[in-house]
Amino acid sequence: MIHSLFLINSSGDIFLEKHWKSVVSRSVCDYFFEAQERATEAENVPPVIPTPHHYLLSVYRHKIFFVAVIQTEVPPLFVIEFLHRVVDTFQILVSVYGTGCT
């Protein structure tokens, strides 16, 4: 289903990536960056971006884009719902453990 997950901040930096099925090059995010440039606001980036070999599905929350890379067609709402659960999990972890290290 999901091959890779990229977290991209508002500056366009990929600051976290996770690969499951195979390592997908960061260059696949260039398609996302092009769509981001065409959008007037961050919220207007299309949630599904087809590329020649992949689909990029994204959600934007807390000024971070969560971008999933898939290679086959899947119901996009499954992936988008998963991404929202990932964000919720991060939010819970930050509220419990805080942002600082002890």
N, C-alpha and C. Protein backbone atom coordinates (compact mmCIF):
# COMPACT_ATOMS: atom_id res chain seq x y z
N MET A 1 0.83 -1.19 0.00
CA MET A 1 0.00 0.00 0.00
C MET A 1 0.87 1.25 0.00
N ILE A 2 1.31 1.71 1.16
CA ILE A 2 2.16 2.90 1.23
C ILE A 2 3.62 2.44 1.17
N HIS A 3 4.37 2.97 0.24
CA HIS A 3 5.78 2.62 0.12
C HIS A 3 6.63 3.52 1.00
N SER A 4 6.33 4.82 1.00
CA SER A 4 7.15 5.77 1.77
C SER A 4 6.26 6.88 2.31
N LEU A 5 6.76 7.51 3.35
CA LEU A 5 6.08 8.66 3.96
C LEU A 5 7.12 9.75 4.14
N PHE A 6 6.80 10.94 3.67
CA PHE A 6 7.69 12.10 3.82
C PHE A 6 6.97 13.18 4.61
N LEU A 7 7.65 13.78 5.56
CA LEU A 7 7.13 14.93 6.29
C LEU A 7 7.88 16.16 5.81
N ILE A 8 7.12 17.15 5.35
CA ILE A 8 7.69 18.34 4.73
C ILE A 8 7.19 19.57 5.48
N ASN A 9 8.12 20.42 5.92
CA ASN A 9 7.71 21.62 6.66
C ASN A 9 7.30 22.73 5.71
N SER A 10 6.90 23.84 6.27
CA SER A 10 6.39 24.96 5.46
C SER A 10 7.48 25.60 4.61
N SER A 11 8.75 25.35 4.93
CA SER A 11 9.86 25.87 4.12
C SER A 11 10.20 24.96 2.94
N GLY A 12 9.55 23.81 2.87
CA GLY A 12 9.82 22.88 1.79
C GLY A 12 10.94 21.90 2.08
N ASP A 13 11.31 21.77 3.36
CA ASP A 13 12.36 20.83 3.75
C ASP A 13 11.75 19.49 4.13
N ILE A 14 12.30 18.43 3.59
CA ILE A 14 11.90 17.09 4.02
C ILE A 14 12.68 16.79 5.28
N PHE A 15 12.00 16.74 6.42
CA PHE A 15 12.73 16.57 7.66
C PHE A 15 12.56 15.18 8.27
N LEU A 16 11.68 14.36 7.67
CA LEU A 16 11.55 13.00 8.14
C LEU A 16 11.04 12.15 6.98
N GLU A 17 11.57 10.97 6.86
CA GLU A 17 11.06 10.04 5.85
C GLU A 17 11.10 8.64 6.41
N LYS A 18 10.11 7.86 6.03
CA LYS A 18 10.02 6.46 6.46
C LYS A 18 9.67 5.64 5.23
N HIS A 19 10.39 4.53 5.04
CA HIS A 19 10.15 3.66 3.89
C HIS A 19 9.72 2.29 4.40
N TRP A 20 8.68 1.73 3.77
CA TRP A 20 8.21 0.41 4.16
C TRP A 20 8.54 -0.64 3.11
N LYS A 21 7.92 -0.58 1.97
CA LYS A 21 8.09 -1.63 0.96
C LYS A 21 9.40 -1.48 0.21
N SER A 22 9.75 -0.30 -0.17
CA SER A 22 10.99 -0.05 -0.90
C SER A 22 11.38 1.40 -0.65
N VAL A 23 12.65 1.68 -0.86
CA VAL A 23 13.13 3.05 -0.69
C VAL A 23 12.77 3.83 -1.95
N VAL A 24 11.99 4.87 -1.76
CA VAL A 24 11.60 5.76 -2.86
C VAL A 24 12.44 7.02 -2.72
N SER A 25 13.06 7.40 -3.80
CA SER A 25 13.94 8.57 -3.79
C SER A 25 13.16 9.84 -3.41
N ARG A 26 13.84 10.74 -2.73
CA ARG A 26 13.24 12.02 -2.38
C ARG A 26 12.84 12.82 -3.61
N SER A 27 13.42 12.49 -4.74
CA SER A 27 13.11 13.24 -5.97
C SER A 27 11.65 13.10 -6.37
N VAL A 28 10.96 12.09 -5.87
CA VAL A 28 9.53 11.95 -6.17
C VAL A 28 8.76 13.14 -5.59
N CYS A 29 9.30 13.76 -4.57
CA CYS A 29 8.64 14.92 -3.96
C CYS A 29 8.70 16.15 -4.85
N ASP A 30 9.51 16.12 -5.90
CA ASP A 30 9.56 17.25 -6.83
C ASP A 30 8.18 17.51 -7.44
N TYR A 31 7.42 16.45 -7.71
CA TYR A 31 6.06 16.60 -8.22
C TYR A 31 5.18 17.31 -7.20
N PHE A 32 5.39 16.98 -5.94
CA PHE A 32 4.64 17.64 -4.86
C PHE A 32 5.03 19.11 -4.79
N PHE A 33 6.33 19.40 -4.88
CA PHE A 33 6.80 20.79 -4.80
C PHE A 33 6.26 21.62 -5.96
N GLU A 34 6.16 21.02 -7.15
CA GLU A 34 5.57 21.73 -8.29
C GLU A 34 4.11 22.07 -8.03
N ALA A 35 3.37 21.13 -7.50
CA ALA A 35 1.96 21.38 -7.18
C ALA A 35 1.84 22.43 -6.08
N GLN A 36 2.76 22.40 -5.13
CA GLN A 36 2.76 23.37 -4.05
C GLN A 36 3.01 24.78 -4.58
N GLU A 37 3.90 24.91 -5.56
CA GLU A 37 4.18 26.22 -6.15
C GLU A 37 2.97 26.77 -6.90
N ARG A 38 2.21 25.89 -7.55
CA ARG A 38 1.04 26.32 -8.30
C ARG A 38 -0.13 26.71 -7.39
N ALA A 39 -0.15 26.19 -6.18
CA ALA A 39 -1.23 26.48 -5.25
C ALA A 39 -1.06 27.88 -4.66
N THR A 40 -2.16 28.58 -4.51
CA THR A 40 -2.10 29.91 -3.94
C THR A 40 -1.86 29.87 -2.43
N GLU A 41 -2.35 28.82 -1.78
CA GLU A 41 -2.16 28.63 -0.34
C GLU A 41 -1.83 27.17 -0.07
N ALA A 42 -1.25 26.90 1.05
CA ALA A 42 -0.85 25.53 1.38
C ALA A 42 -2.05 24.58 1.39
N GLU A 43 -3.18 25.08 1.83
CA GLU A 43 -4.38 24.25 1.90
C GLU A 43 -4.92 23.88 0.52
N ASN A 44 -4.45 24.56 -0.53
CA ASN A 44 -4.95 24.31 -1.88
C ASN A 44 -4.12 23.31 -2.67
N VAL A 45 -3.11 22.72 -2.07
CA VAL A 45 -2.34 21.69 -2.76
C VAL A 45 -3.25 20.47 -2.93
N PRO A 46 -3.33 19.91 -4.13
CA PRO A 46 -4.22 18.76 -4.34
C PRO A 46 -3.84 17.60 -3.43
N PRO A 47 -4.82 16.92 -2.84
CA PRO A 47 -4.51 15.81 -1.94
C PRO A 47 -3.99 14.58 -2.67
N VAL A 48 -4.28 14.45 -3.96
CA VAL A 48 -3.79 13.33 -4.76
C VAL A 48 -3.06 13.88 -5.98
N ILE A 49 -1.81 13.50 -6.13
CA ILE A 49 -0.99 13.96 -7.25
C ILE A 49 -0.47 12.74 -7.99
N PRO A 50 -0.94 12.51 -9.21
CA PRO A 50 -0.40 11.38 -9.98
C PRO A 50 0.94 11.75 -10.61
N THR A 51 1.86 10.81 -10.60
CA THR A 51 3.16 10.97 -11.27
C THR A 51 3.29 9.79 -12.23
N PRO A 52 4.32 9.76 -13.05
CA PRO A 52 4.44 8.65 -14.00
C PRO A 52 4.49 7.26 -13.35
N HIS A 53 5.09 7.15 -12.16
CA HIS A 53 5.24 5.82 -11.55
C HIS A 53 4.63 5.71 -10.15
N HIS A 54 4.16 6.81 -9.60
CA HIS A 54 3.65 6.80 -8.23
C HIS A 54 2.42 7.71 -8.14
N TYR A 55 1.76 7.60 -7.01
CA TYR A 55 0.74 8.57 -6.61
C TYR A 55 1.21 9.17 -5.29
N LEU A 56 1.06 10.48 -5.16
CA LEU A 56 1.40 11.16 -3.92
C LEU A 56 0.10 11.60 -3.27
N LEU A 57 -0.13 11.16 -2.06
CA LEU A 57 -1.32 11.55 -1.31
C LEU A 57 -0.87 12.33 -0.10
N SER A 58 -1.50 13.48 0.14
CA SER A 58 -0.99 14.34 1.21
C SER A 58 -2.12 14.94 2.03
N VAL A 59 -1.75 15.26 3.26
CA VAL A 59 -2.60 16.06 4.14
C VAL A 59 -1.72 17.16 4.71
N TYR A 60 -2.34 18.28 5.04
CA TYR A 60 -1.63 19.43 5.59
C TYR A 60 -2.23 19.75 6.95
N ARG A 61 -1.44 19.54 7.99
CA ARG A 61 -1.90 19.87 9.34
C ARG A 61 -0.72 20.39 10.15
N HIS A 62 -1.02 21.39 10.97
CA HIS A 62 -0.01 21.98 11.85
C HIS A 62 1.21 22.48 11.07
N LYS A 63 0.95 23.04 9.90
CA LYS A 63 1.98 23.61 9.03
C LYS A 63 3.00 22.56 8.55
N ILE A 64 2.56 21.31 8.49
CA ILE A 64 3.40 20.21 7.99
C ILE A 64 2.60 19.42 6.97
N PHE A 65 3.26 19.08 5.86
CA PHE A 65 2.65 18.20 4.87
C PHE A 65 3.09 16.77 5.18
N PHE A 66 2.14 15.88 5.24
CA PHE A 66 2.40 14.45 5.39
C PHE A 66 2.11 13.85 4.02
N VAL A 67 3.15 13.39 3.33
CA VAL A 67 3.03 12.94 1.94
C VAL A 67 3.33 11.44 1.88
N ALA A 68 2.32 10.66 1.48
CA ALA A 68 2.48 9.22 1.30
C ALA A 68 2.70 8.92 -0.17
N VAL A 69 3.60 7.99 -0.44
CA VAL A 69 3.91 7.58 -1.81
C VAL A 69 3.40 6.15 -2.00
N ILE A 70 2.55 5.98 -3.01
CA ILE A 70 2.06 4.64 -3.34
C ILE A 70 2.31 4.38 -4.82
N GLN A 71 2.39 3.09 -5.19
CA GLN A 71 2.67 2.76 -6.58
C GLN A 71 1.45 2.20 -7.31
N THR A 72 0.47 1.72 -6.60
CA THR A 72 -0.71 1.17 -7.24
C THR A 72 -1.92 1.95 -6.78
N GLU A 73 -2.97 1.87 -7.55
CA GLU A 73 -4.19 2.57 -7.17
C GLU A 73 -4.81 1.91 -5.95
N VAL A 74 -5.09 2.71 -4.97
CA VAL A 74 -5.80 2.28 -3.76
C VAL A 74 -6.85 3.33 -3.48
N PRO A 75 -7.87 2.99 -2.70
CA PRO A 75 -8.84 4.03 -2.34
C PRO A 75 -8.12 5.16 -1.59
N PRO A 76 -8.11 6.36 -2.15
CA PRO A 76 -7.33 7.45 -1.54
C PRO A 76 -7.78 7.80 -0.13
N LEU A 77 -9.05 7.61 0.18
CA LEU A 77 -9.50 7.97 1.52
C LEU A 77 -8.89 7.07 2.59
N PHE A 78 -8.56 5.83 2.24
CA PHE A 78 -7.87 4.96 3.21
C PHE A 78 -6.53 5.56 3.59
N VAL A 79 -5.79 5.99 2.60
CA VAL A 79 -4.46 6.55 2.84
C VAL A 79 -4.56 7.89 3.56
N ILE A 80 -5.48 8.72 3.13
CA ILE A 80 -5.65 10.03 3.77
C ILE A 80 -6.08 9.88 5.22
N GLU A 81 -6.97 8.93 5.49
CA GLU A 81 -7.38 8.68 6.88
C GLU A 81 -6.19 8.19 7.70
N PHE A 82 -5.36 7.32 7.12
CA PHE A 82 -4.16 6.86 7.81
C PHE A 82 -3.25 8.04 8.15
N LEU A 83 -3.07 8.94 7.20
CA LEU A 83 -2.21 10.11 7.44
C LEU A 83 -2.75 10.97 8.57
N HIS A 84 -4.07 11.13 8.64
CA HIS A 84 -4.65 11.89 9.75
C HIS A 84 -4.41 11.20 11.08
N ARG A 85 -4.46 9.87 11.10
CA ARG A 85 -4.18 9.13 12.35
C ARG A 85 -2.71 9.29 12.74
N VAL A 86 -1.81 9.32 11.78
CA VAL A 86 -0.39 9.56 12.08
C VAL A 86 -0.23 10.93 12.73
N VAL A 87 -0.88 11.94 12.18
CA VAL A 87 -0.80 13.29 12.76
C VAL A 87 -1.35 13.28 14.17
N ASP A 88 -2.48 12.63 14.38
CA ASP A 88 -3.08 12.57 15.71
C ASP A 88 -2.14 11.88 16.71
N THR A 89 -1.47 10.83 16.26
CA THR A 89 -0.53 10.13 17.13
C THR A 89 0.65 11.03 17.51
N PHE A 90 1.20 11.74 16.54
CA PHE A 90 2.27 12.69 16.83
C PHE A 90 1.81 13.75 17.82
N GLN A 91 0.60 14.22 17.62
CA GLN A 91 0.06 15.27 18.49
C GLN A 91 -0.07 14.76 19.93
N ILE A 92 -0.50 13.52 20.10
CA ILE A 92 -0.61 12.94 21.44
C ILE A 92 0.77 12.78 22.06
N LEU A 93 1.74 12.30 21.28
CA LEU A 93 3.09 12.12 21.80
C LEU A 93 3.70 13.45 22.25
N VAL A 94 3.49 14.50 21.47
CA VAL A 94 4.04 15.80 21.84
C VAL A 94 3.35 16.33 23.09
N SER A 95 2.04 16.12 23.22
CA SER A 95 1.34 16.62 24.41
C SER A 95 1.73 15.85 25.67
N VAL A 96 2.06 14.57 25.52
CA VAL A 96 2.45 13.77 26.68
C VAL A 96 3.91 14.01 27.05
N TYR A 97 4.79 13.99 26.06
CA TYR A 97 6.22 14.08 26.34
C TYR A 97 6.80 15.47 26.15
N GLY A 98 6.04 16.37 25.57
CA GLY A 98 6.54 17.73 25.37
C GLY A 98 7.51 17.78 24.22
N THR A 99 7.99 18.97 23.94
CA THR A 99 8.91 19.16 22.81
C THR A 99 10.37 19.11 23.24
N GLY A 100 10.65 19.18 24.52
CA GLY A 100 12.03 19.19 24.98
C GLY A 100 12.48 17.81 25.39
N CYS A 101 13.77 17.63 25.47
CA CYS A 101 14.35 16.37 25.90
C CYS A 101 14.85 16.54 27.33
N THR A 102 14.74 15.48 28.12
CA THR A 102 15.23 15.55 29.50
C THR A 102 16.37 14.61 29.72
